[in-house]
């Protein structure tokens, strides 16, 4: 297992092709997906043929940026995933922070803990000068994680979703 980052309670490791079931199970929970995209759940074929290969490609491009599986430490339970990567759509926007956690991992401070650790590593080791994250404006829990991780609200915008969720307004937070 290639451990990318470790905190007192969690670790981030590289994804592998064997992680298809973890991604599919996470994306099948309607509560987890409620504020993400409104799209239908990820199929095993999509995870195997599209998502995991795209995430693995990050490791070849850069040792610093990509997608990682998050696990409790010790214990090893999969709690979700995090990404820390240059914006695929806006390279000048900075580095995007993102996360998706199982409902059983909500409320434990995991998202804040790993977000802070990734942001710290980005600024101190990789020369990152700006970090941003986006969430639907009604996702108050995720907005609170962003605030506790040191990000501040910058703007609110409307995003056209192919499969509308209860709210389609996103809020962007970033470091100064």
N, C-alpha and C. Protein backbone atom coordinates (compact mmCIF):
# COMPACT_ATOMS: atom_id res chain seq x y z
N UNK A 1 0.85 -1.18 0.00
CA UNK A 1 0.00 0.00 0.00
C UNK A 1 0.89 1.24 0.00
N UNK A 2 0.62 2.16 -0.90
CA UNK A 2 1.38 3.40 -1.00
C UNK A 2 0.66 4.47 -0.21
N UNK A 3 1.16 4.74 1.02
CA UNK A 3 0.56 5.76 1.87
C UNK A 3 1.06 7.12 1.43
N UNK A 4 0.15 8.01 1.16
CA UNK A 4 0.45 9.35 0.68
C UNK A 4 0.57 10.34 1.84
N UNK A 5 -0.33 10.20 2.81
CA UNK A 5 -0.40 11.15 3.92
C UNK A 5 -1.01 10.44 5.12
N UNK A 6 -0.50 10.76 6.31
CA UNK A 6 -1.02 10.15 7.52
C UNK A 6 -1.24 11.25 8.56
N UNK A 7 -2.39 11.17 9.24
CA UNK A 7 -2.66 12.04 10.39
C UNK A 7 -2.78 11.12 11.60
N UNK A 8 -3.15 11.67 12.74
CA UNK A 8 -3.28 10.83 13.94
C UNK A 8 -4.33 9.74 13.78
N UNK A 9 -5.42 10.05 13.05
CA UNK A 9 -6.53 9.10 12.96
C UNK A 9 -6.77 8.52 11.58
N UNK A 10 -6.14 9.07 10.57
CA UNK A 10 -6.47 8.71 9.20
C UNK A 10 -5.22 8.59 8.34
N UNK A 11 -5.39 7.91 7.22
CA UNK A 11 -4.33 7.90 6.22
C UNK A 11 -4.95 7.98 4.84
N UNK A 12 -4.20 8.55 3.93
CA UNK A 12 -4.57 8.60 2.52
C UNK A 12 -3.61 7.70 1.78
N UNK A 13 -4.14 6.87 0.91
CA UNK A 13 -3.31 5.98 0.11
C UNK A 13 -3.75 6.09 -1.34
N UNK A 14 -2.86 5.65 -2.22
CA UNK A 14 -3.22 5.61 -3.63
C UNK A 14 -4.34 4.61 -3.88
N UNK A 15 -5.20 4.95 -4.81
CA UNK A 15 -6.20 3.99 -5.27
C UNK A 15 -5.51 2.92 -6.10
N UNK A 16 -6.16 1.77 -6.21
CA UNK A 16 -5.69 0.68 -7.06
C UNK A 16 -6.89 0.18 -7.87
N UNK A 17 -6.66 -0.59 -8.92
CA UNK A 17 -7.78 -1.16 -9.68
C UNK A 17 -8.70 -2.03 -8.82
N UNK A 18 -8.22 -2.53 -7.71
CA UNK A 18 -9.03 -3.38 -6.83
C UNK A 18 -10.05 -2.58 -6.00
N UNK A 19 -10.04 -1.26 -6.11
CA UNK A 19 -10.91 -0.41 -5.29
C UNK A 19 -12.26 -0.09 -5.92
N UNK A 20 -12.59 -0.73 -7.01
CA UNK A 20 -13.86 -0.45 -7.71
C UNK A 20 -15.04 -0.56 -6.76
N UNK A 21 -15.12 -1.62 -5.99
CA UNK A 21 -16.27 -1.83 -5.10
C UNK A 21 -16.38 -0.73 -4.04
N UNK A 22 -15.26 -0.21 -3.57
CA UNK A 22 -15.30 0.87 -2.59
C UNK A 22 -15.94 2.12 -3.18
N UNK A 23 -15.54 2.46 -4.40
CA UNK A 23 -16.07 3.65 -5.07
C UNK A 23 -17.56 3.48 -5.38
N UNK A 24 -17.93 2.32 -5.88
CA UNK A 24 -19.33 2.06 -6.23
C UNK A 24 -20.22 2.13 -4.99
N UNK A 25 -19.79 1.51 -3.90
CA UNK A 25 -20.59 1.52 -2.67
C UNK A 25 -20.78 2.93 -2.14
N UNK A 26 -19.73 3.73 -2.17
CA UNK A 26 -19.82 5.11 -1.71
C UNK A 26 -20.80 5.90 -2.56
N UNK A 27 -20.69 5.77 -3.88
CA UNK A 27 -21.54 6.54 -4.79
C UNK A 27 -22.97 6.04 -4.87
N UNK A 28 -23.25 4.89 -4.34
CA UNK A 28 -24.63 4.36 -4.35
C UNK A 28 -25.48 4.89 -3.21
N UNK A 29 -24.87 5.55 -2.26
CA UNK A 29 -25.62 6.08 -1.12
C UNK A 29 -26.23 7.42 -1.52
N UNK A 30 -27.56 7.51 -1.62
CA UNK A 30 -28.19 8.77 -2.02
C UNK A 30 -27.88 9.92 -1.07
N UNK A 31 -27.68 9.63 0.21
CA UNK A 31 -27.31 10.68 1.15
C UNK A 31 -25.95 11.27 0.86
N UNK A 32 -25.02 10.41 0.47
CA UNK A 32 -23.67 10.88 0.11
C UNK A 32 -23.72 11.72 -1.15
N UNK A 33 -24.51 11.30 -2.11
CA UNK A 33 -24.55 11.96 -3.41
C UNK A 33 -25.49 13.16 -3.47
N UNK A 34 -26.24 13.39 -2.42
CA UNK A 34 -27.29 14.41 -2.43
C UNK A 34 -26.82 15.76 -2.93
N UNK A 35 -25.68 16.23 -2.47
CA UNK A 35 -25.20 17.56 -2.84
C UNK A 35 -24.02 17.51 -3.80
N UNK A 36 -23.82 16.40 -4.46
CA UNK A 36 -22.65 16.30 -5.32
C UNK A 36 -22.98 16.60 -6.77
N UNK A 37 -23.84 15.80 -7.36
CA UNK A 37 -24.10 16.03 -8.78
C UNK A 37 -25.53 15.76 -9.19
N UNK A 38 -26.24 15.00 -8.42
CA UNK A 38 -27.59 14.64 -8.82
C UNK A 38 -27.62 13.57 -9.89
N UNK A 39 -26.46 13.06 -10.26
CA UNK A 39 -26.39 12.05 -11.32
C UNK A 39 -26.75 10.68 -10.76
N UNK A 40 -27.10 9.75 -11.64
CA UNK A 40 -27.37 8.38 -11.18
C UNK A 40 -26.11 7.78 -10.54
N UNK A 41 -26.28 6.76 -9.69
CA UNK A 41 -25.13 6.14 -9.03
C UNK A 41 -24.11 5.59 -10.02
N UNK A 42 -22.86 5.60 -9.62
CA UNK A 42 -21.77 5.04 -10.42
C UNK A 42 -21.96 3.54 -10.56
N UNK A 43 -21.80 3.04 -11.77
CA UNK A 43 -21.88 1.60 -12.00
C UNK A 43 -20.49 0.99 -11.82
N UNK A 44 -20.43 -0.31 -11.58
CA UNK A 44 -19.11 -0.96 -11.49
C UNK A 44 -18.29 -0.78 -12.76
N UNK A 45 -18.96 -0.78 -13.90
CA UNK A 45 -18.24 -0.61 -15.18
C UNK A 45 -17.65 0.80 -15.28
N UNK A 46 -18.41 1.81 -14.88
CA UNK A 46 -17.90 3.19 -14.90
C UNK A 46 -16.70 3.34 -13.97
N UNK A 47 -16.82 2.77 -12.78
CA UNK A 47 -15.72 2.85 -11.82
C UNK A 47 -14.48 2.14 -12.37
N UNK A 48 -14.67 0.95 -12.92
CA UNK A 48 -13.55 0.14 -13.43
C UNK A 48 -12.93 0.74 -14.69
N UNK A 49 -13.77 1.21 -15.63
CA UNK A 49 -13.28 1.61 -16.95
C UNK A 49 -12.97 3.10 -17.08
N UNK A 50 -13.56 3.94 -16.21
CA UNK A 50 -13.38 5.39 -16.35
C UNK A 50 -12.80 6.06 -15.11
N UNK A 51 -13.47 5.89 -13.98
CA UNK A 51 -13.09 6.65 -12.79
C UNK A 51 -11.73 6.23 -12.25
N UNK A 52 -11.58 4.97 -11.91
CA UNK A 52 -10.30 4.50 -11.34
C UNK A 52 -9.14 4.75 -12.30
N UNK A 53 -9.25 4.42 -13.59
CA UNK A 53 -8.13 4.73 -14.50
C UNK A 53 -7.77 6.22 -14.54
N UNK A 54 -8.78 7.08 -14.51
CA UNK A 54 -8.49 8.53 -14.51
C UNK A 54 -7.75 8.92 -13.24
N UNK A 55 -8.16 8.36 -12.10
CA UNK A 55 -7.48 8.68 -10.84
C UNK A 55 -6.06 8.12 -10.83
N UNK A 56 -5.86 6.92 -11.36
CA UNK A 56 -4.52 6.33 -11.39
C UNK A 56 -3.57 7.14 -12.27
N UNK A 57 -4.10 7.74 -13.33
CA UNK A 57 -3.27 8.54 -14.24
C UNK A 57 -2.64 9.74 -13.53
N UNK A 58 -3.29 10.26 -12.50
CA UNK A 58 -2.71 11.38 -11.75
C UNK A 58 -1.37 11.00 -11.14
N UNK A 59 -1.24 9.78 -10.67
CA UNK A 59 0.00 9.37 -10.01
C UNK A 59 1.19 9.38 -10.97
N UNK A 60 0.94 9.14 -12.25
CA UNK A 60 2.01 9.20 -13.25
C UNK A 60 2.39 10.64 -13.58
N UNK A 61 1.43 11.54 -13.50
CA UNK A 61 1.68 12.93 -13.85
C UNK A 61 2.35 13.72 -12.74
N UNK A 62 2.03 13.38 -11.47
CA UNK A 62 2.56 14.16 -10.36
C UNK A 62 2.49 13.35 -9.07
N UNK A 63 3.56 13.37 -8.29
CA UNK A 63 3.51 12.69 -7.00
C UNK A 63 2.73 13.50 -5.95
N UNK A 64 2.42 14.75 -6.26
CA UNK A 64 1.81 15.65 -5.28
C UNK A 64 0.31 15.80 -5.40
N UNK A 65 -0.24 15.55 -6.57
CA UNK A 65 -1.65 15.83 -6.79
C UNK A 65 -2.39 14.59 -7.27
N UNK A 66 -3.67 14.51 -6.91
CA UNK A 66 -4.46 13.39 -7.36
C UNK A 66 -5.61 13.07 -6.44
N UNK A 67 -6.05 11.82 -6.51
CA UNK A 67 -7.15 11.28 -5.73
C UNK A 67 -6.62 10.17 -4.83
N UNK A 68 -7.10 10.15 -3.56
CA UNK A 68 -6.62 9.15 -2.62
C UNK A 68 -7.76 8.56 -1.81
N UNK A 69 -7.63 7.29 -1.50
CA UNK A 69 -8.57 6.59 -0.63
C UNK A 69 -8.24 6.96 0.81
N UNK A 70 -9.26 7.28 1.59
CA UNK A 70 -9.08 7.65 3.00
C UNK A 70 -9.52 6.48 3.88
N UNK A 71 -8.66 6.15 4.85
CA UNK A 71 -8.93 5.04 5.77
C UNK A 71 -8.68 5.47 7.20
N UNK A 72 -9.46 4.89 8.11
CA UNK A 72 -9.19 5.11 9.53
C UNK A 72 -7.84 4.47 9.86
N UNK A 73 -7.14 5.10 10.79
CA UNK A 73 -5.85 4.58 11.21
C UNK A 73 -5.77 4.70 12.72
N UNK A 74 -5.63 3.64 13.46
CA UNK A 74 -5.57 2.27 12.96
C UNK A 74 -6.97 1.73 12.67
N UNK A 75 -7.02 0.56 12.15
CA UNK A 75 -8.29 -0.10 11.87
C UNK A 75 -8.49 -0.36 10.39
N UNK A 76 -8.23 0.62 9.58
CA UNK A 76 -8.26 0.44 8.15
C UNK A 76 -9.58 0.61 7.44
N UNK A 77 -10.66 0.96 8.15
CA UNK A 77 -11.96 1.11 7.49
C UNK A 77 -11.89 2.22 6.45
N UNK A 78 -12.42 1.95 5.26
CA UNK A 78 -12.50 2.94 4.19
C UNK A 78 -13.56 3.96 4.57
N UNK A 79 -13.18 5.24 4.61
CA UNK A 79 -14.14 6.28 4.98
C UNK A 79 -14.54 7.15 3.79
N UNK A 80 -13.80 7.07 2.69
CA UNK A 80 -14.13 7.87 1.52
C UNK A 80 -12.88 8.22 0.72
N UNK A 81 -12.95 9.33 0.00
CA UNK A 81 -11.79 9.74 -0.78
C UNK A 81 -11.62 11.26 -0.73
N UNK A 82 -10.40 11.68 -1.07
CA UNK A 82 -10.05 13.10 -1.15
C UNK A 82 -9.32 13.33 -2.45
N UNK A 83 -9.47 14.54 -2.99
CA UNK A 83 -8.59 14.92 -4.09
C UNK A 83 -8.00 16.29 -3.79
N UNK A 84 -6.83 16.50 -4.35
CA UNK A 84 -6.09 17.74 -4.24
C UNK A 84 -5.38 17.84 -5.57
N UNK A 85 -5.86 18.73 -6.44
CA UNK A 85 -5.37 18.73 -7.81
C UNK A 85 -5.55 20.10 -8.47
N UNK A 86 -4.72 20.40 -9.44
CA UNK A 86 -4.95 21.61 -10.21
C UNK A 86 -6.30 21.49 -10.91
N UNK A 87 -6.98 22.61 -11.04
CA UNK A 87 -8.29 22.60 -11.67
C UNK A 87 -8.19 22.06 -13.09
N UNK A 88 -9.00 21.05 -13.42
CA UNK A 88 -8.96 20.53 -14.79
C UNK A 88 -9.54 21.51 -15.80
N UNK A 89 -10.41 22.41 -15.34
CA UNK A 89 -11.06 23.36 -16.25
C UNK A 89 -10.43 24.75 -16.23
N UNK A 90 -9.81 25.11 -15.10
CA UNK A 90 -9.25 26.45 -14.94
C UNK A 90 -7.86 26.35 -14.31
N UNK A 91 -6.82 26.08 -15.09
CA UNK A 91 -5.48 25.86 -14.52
C UNK A 91 -4.96 27.03 -13.69
N UNK A 92 -5.45 28.25 -13.94
CA UNK A 92 -4.98 29.42 -13.19
C UNK A 92 -5.75 29.62 -11.89
N UNK A 93 -6.72 28.79 -11.59
CA UNK A 93 -7.58 28.97 -10.42
C UNK A 93 -6.94 28.50 -9.13
N UNK A 94 -5.88 27.72 -9.21
CA UNK A 94 -5.26 27.18 -8.01
C UNK A 94 -5.48 25.68 -7.94
N UNK A 95 -5.36 25.15 -6.74
CA UNK A 95 -5.49 23.72 -6.52
C UNK A 95 -6.84 23.46 -5.87
N UNK A 96 -7.56 22.50 -6.43
CA UNK A 96 -8.89 22.17 -5.93
C UNK A 96 -8.80 21.09 -4.86
N UNK A 97 -9.49 21.33 -3.75
CA UNK A 97 -9.65 20.36 -2.67
C UNK A 97 -11.05 19.77 -2.78
N UNK A 98 -11.15 18.46 -2.70
CA UNK A 98 -12.46 17.82 -2.72
C UNK A 98 -12.47 16.58 -1.87
N UNK A 99 -13.64 16.15 -1.46
CA UNK A 99 -13.76 14.97 -0.62
C UNK A 99 -15.16 14.40 -0.75
N UNK A 100 -15.25 13.12 -0.48
CA UNK A 100 -16.53 12.41 -0.45
C UNK A 100 -16.40 11.33 0.62
N UNK A 101 -17.26 11.39 1.63
CA UNK A 101 -17.15 10.47 2.75
C UNK A 101 -18.43 9.67 2.95
N UNK A 102 -18.26 8.44 3.42
CA UNK A 102 -19.41 7.63 3.84
C UNK A 102 -20.15 8.34 4.95
N UNK A 103 -21.45 8.15 5.01
CA UNK A 103 -22.23 8.77 6.08
C UNK A 103 -21.73 8.34 7.46
N UNK A 104 -21.25 7.12 7.57
CA UNK A 104 -20.74 6.66 8.88
C UNK A 104 -19.51 7.45 9.32
N UNK A 105 -18.87 8.17 8.39
CA UNK A 105 -17.69 8.97 8.72
C UNK A 105 -18.04 10.44 8.97
N UNK A 106 -19.27 10.81 8.75
CA UNK A 106 -19.68 12.20 8.97
C UNK A 106 -19.69 12.51 10.47
N UNK A 107 -19.36 13.75 10.79
CA UNK A 107 -19.46 14.20 12.17
C UNK A 107 -18.30 13.81 13.06
N UNK A 108 -17.27 13.22 12.50
CA UNK A 108 -16.09 12.81 13.28
C UNK A 108 -14.91 13.76 13.09
N UNK A 109 -15.08 14.77 12.25
CA UNK A 109 -13.98 15.70 11.98
C UNK A 109 -12.98 15.19 10.96
N UNK A 110 -13.29 14.07 10.29
CA UNK A 110 -12.35 13.50 9.32
C UNK A 110 -12.10 14.42 8.13
N UNK A 111 -13.17 15.00 7.59
CA UNK A 111 -13.01 15.87 6.42
C UNK A 111 -12.15 17.07 6.76
N UNK A 112 -12.37 17.65 7.93
CA UNK A 112 -11.57 18.80 8.35
C UNK A 112 -10.12 18.39 8.58
N UNK A 113 -9.92 17.28 9.26
CA UNK A 113 -8.56 16.80 9.58
C UNK A 113 -7.72 16.59 8.32
N UNK A 114 -8.28 15.86 7.36
CA UNK A 114 -7.50 15.59 6.14
C UNK A 114 -7.43 16.81 5.23
N UNK A 115 -8.45 17.65 5.21
CA UNK A 115 -8.38 18.87 4.41
C UNK A 115 -7.27 19.78 4.92
N UNK A 116 -7.21 19.96 6.23
CA UNK A 116 -6.14 20.78 6.80
C UNK A 116 -4.76 20.21 6.47
N UNK A 117 -4.64 18.88 6.59
CA UNK A 117 -3.35 18.25 6.32
C UNK A 117 -2.95 18.41 4.86
N UNK A 118 -3.90 18.25 3.94
CA UNK A 118 -3.58 18.43 2.52
C UNK A 118 -3.21 19.88 2.21
N UNK A 119 -3.97 20.82 2.75
CA UNK A 119 -3.67 22.24 2.52
C UNK A 119 -2.30 22.58 3.07
N UNK A 120 -2.00 22.13 4.28
CA UNK A 120 -0.69 22.39 4.88
C UNK A 120 0.43 21.83 4.01
N UNK A 121 0.27 20.59 3.59
CA UNK A 121 1.28 19.94 2.74
C UNK A 121 1.44 20.71 1.42
N UNK A 122 0.31 21.14 0.85
CA UNK A 122 0.37 21.90 -0.39
C UNK A 122 1.17 23.19 -0.27
N UNK A 123 0.92 23.93 0.80
CA UNK A 123 1.62 25.20 0.99
C UNK A 123 3.07 25.02 1.41
N UNK A 124 3.35 24.05 2.27
CA UNK A 124 4.70 23.93 2.82
C UNK A 124 5.64 23.08 1.98
N UNK A 125 5.10 22.12 1.22
CA UNK A 125 5.97 21.21 0.47
C UNK A 125 5.88 21.35 -1.05
N UNK A 126 4.75 21.80 -1.57
CA UNK A 126 4.58 21.79 -3.02
C UNK A 126 4.49 23.17 -3.65
N UNK A 127 4.60 24.22 -2.87
CA UNK A 127 4.58 25.56 -3.43
C UNK A 127 3.21 26.03 -3.91
N UNK A 128 2.16 25.45 -3.41
CA UNK A 128 0.81 25.86 -3.77
C UNK A 128 0.57 27.27 -3.23
N UNK A 129 -0.04 28.14 -4.03
CA UNK A 129 -0.30 29.49 -3.55
C UNK A 129 -1.79 29.77 -3.35
N UNK A 130 -2.66 28.87 -3.83
CA UNK A 130 -4.09 29.08 -3.64
C UNK A 130 -4.79 27.72 -3.68
N UNK A 131 -5.70 27.52 -2.74
CA UNK A 131 -6.52 26.31 -2.68
C UNK A 131 -7.97 26.74 -2.72
N UNK A 132 -8.78 26.02 -3.46
CA UNK A 132 -10.21 26.32 -3.48
C UNK A 132 -11.00 25.02 -3.41
N UNK A 133 -12.25 25.15 -3.02
CA UNK A 133 -13.18 24.03 -2.96
C UNK A 133 -14.55 24.57 -3.32
N UNK A 134 -15.40 23.69 -3.81
CA UNK A 134 -16.76 24.07 -4.17
C UNK A 134 -17.75 23.10 -3.56
N UNK A 135 -18.90 23.62 -3.20
CA UNK A 135 -20.00 22.79 -2.72
C UNK A 135 -21.30 23.51 -3.01
N UNK A 136 -22.39 22.77 -3.00
CA UNK A 136 -23.69 23.41 -3.13
C UNK A 136 -23.92 24.29 -1.92
N UNK A 137 -24.52 25.43 -2.13
CA UNK A 137 -24.70 26.39 -1.04
C UNK A 137 -25.54 25.82 0.09
N UNK A 138 -26.42 24.87 -0.19
CA UNK A 138 -27.25 24.28 0.87
C UNK A 138 -26.51 23.20 1.65
N UNK A 139 -25.33 22.83 1.22
CA UNK A 139 -24.55 21.81 1.93
C UNK A 139 -23.76 22.49 3.04
N UNK A 140 -24.47 22.81 4.10
CA UNK A 140 -23.85 23.58 5.19
C UNK A 140 -22.74 22.80 5.90
N UNK A 141 -22.85 21.48 5.96
CA UNK A 141 -21.80 20.69 6.61
C UNK A 141 -20.48 20.81 5.85
N UNK A 142 -20.53 20.72 4.54
CA UNK A 142 -19.32 20.84 3.74
C UNK A 142 -18.77 22.27 3.80
N UNK A 143 -19.66 23.24 3.79
CA UNK A 143 -19.20 24.63 3.90
C UNK A 143 -18.48 24.85 5.23
N UNK A 144 -18.99 24.23 6.29
CA UNK A 144 -18.36 24.36 7.60
C UNK A 144 -16.98 23.69 7.61
N UNK A 145 -16.84 22.54 6.95
CA UNK A 145 -15.53 21.90 6.83
C UNK A 145 -14.55 22.85 6.15
N UNK A 146 -14.99 23.47 5.08
CA UNK A 146 -14.12 24.40 4.35
C UNK A 146 -13.67 25.55 5.25
N UNK A 147 -14.59 26.10 6.02
CA UNK A 147 -14.23 27.19 6.95
C UNK A 147 -13.22 26.71 7.98
N UNK A 148 -13.47 25.54 8.57
CA UNK A 148 -12.56 25.03 9.60
C UNK A 148 -11.20 24.67 9.02
N UNK A 149 -11.15 24.38 7.72
CA UNK A 149 -9.88 24.08 7.08
C UNK A 149 -9.13 25.35 6.66
N UNK A 150 -9.74 26.52 6.90
CA UNK A 150 -9.06 27.78 6.61
C UNK A 150 -9.49 28.46 5.33
N UNK A 151 -10.47 27.92 4.64
CA UNK A 151 -10.95 28.55 3.41
C UNK A 151 -12.03 29.57 3.77
N UNK A 152 -12.21 30.54 2.90
CA UNK A 152 -13.24 31.55 3.12
C UNK A 152 -14.15 31.62 1.89
N UNK A 153 -15.40 32.00 2.12
CA UNK A 153 -16.37 32.10 1.02
C UNK A 153 -15.95 33.23 0.09
N UNK A 154 -15.90 32.92 -1.20
CA UNK A 154 -15.49 33.90 -2.19
C UNK A 154 -16.65 34.32 -3.08
N UNK A 155 -17.42 33.35 -3.54
CA UNK A 155 -18.53 33.71 -4.43
C UNK A 155 -19.55 32.58 -4.46
N UNK A 156 -20.73 32.93 -4.91
CA UNK A 156 -21.79 31.97 -5.14
C UNK A 156 -22.15 32.05 -6.61
N UNK A 157 -22.32 30.91 -7.23
CA UNK A 157 -22.68 30.89 -8.65
C UNK A 157 -23.66 29.76 -8.91
N UNK A 158 -24.32 29.84 -10.05
CA UNK A 158 -25.28 28.81 -10.45
C UNK A 158 -24.64 27.93 -11.52
N UNK A 159 -24.74 26.63 -11.29
CA UNK A 159 -24.13 25.66 -12.19
C UNK A 159 -25.25 24.85 -12.85
N UNK A 160 -25.22 24.71 -14.17
CA UNK A 160 -26.26 23.92 -14.83
C UNK A 160 -26.00 22.43 -14.69
N UNK A 161 -26.80 21.75 -13.87
CA UNK A 161 -26.63 20.33 -13.62
C UNK A 161 -27.42 19.51 -14.64
N UNK A 162 -26.82 18.43 -15.16
CA UNK A 162 -27.57 17.58 -16.09
C UNK A 162 -28.70 16.83 -15.38
N UNK A 163 -28.53 16.56 -14.09
CA UNK A 163 -29.54 15.88 -13.28
C UNK A 163 -29.73 16.72 -12.02
N UNK A 164 -30.63 17.72 -12.06
CA UNK A 164 -30.74 18.66 -10.94
C UNK A 164 -30.97 17.98 -9.59
N UNK A 165 -30.30 18.52 -8.59
CA UNK A 165 -30.47 18.11 -7.20
C UNK A 165 -31.41 19.11 -6.53
N UNK A 166 -31.64 18.97 -5.22
CA UNK A 166 -32.53 19.92 -4.53
C UNK A 166 -32.09 21.37 -4.70
N UNK A 167 -30.80 21.61 -4.84
CA UNK A 167 -30.30 22.96 -5.04
C UNK A 167 -29.16 22.90 -6.03
N UNK A 168 -29.11 23.85 -6.94
CA UNK A 168 -28.06 23.83 -7.95
C UNK A 168 -27.15 25.04 -7.85
N UNK A 169 -27.15 25.71 -6.74
CA UNK A 169 -26.26 26.84 -6.53
C UNK A 169 -25.03 26.35 -5.79
N UNK A 170 -23.87 26.73 -6.30
CA UNK A 170 -22.62 26.33 -5.65
C UNK A 170 -21.97 27.54 -5.00
N UNK A 171 -21.26 27.28 -3.93
CA UNK A 171 -20.46 28.31 -3.28
C UNK A 171 -19.01 27.88 -3.39
N UNK A 172 -18.14 28.83 -3.69
CA UNK A 172 -16.72 28.56 -3.79
C UNK A 172 -16.02 29.17 -2.61
N UNK A 173 -15.13 28.41 -2.00
CA UNK A 173 -14.32 28.91 -0.91
C UNK A 173 -12.85 28.74 -1.32
N UNK A 174 -12.01 29.64 -0.86
CA UNK A 174 -10.60 29.50 -1.20
C UNK A 174 -9.75 30.15 -0.12
N UNK A 175 -8.46 29.86 -0.19
CA UNK A 175 -7.52 30.49 0.71
C UNK A 175 -7.22 31.86 0.14
N UNK A 176 -6.80 32.79 0.99
CA UNK A 176 -6.51 34.14 0.50
C UNK A 176 -5.35 34.16 -0.47
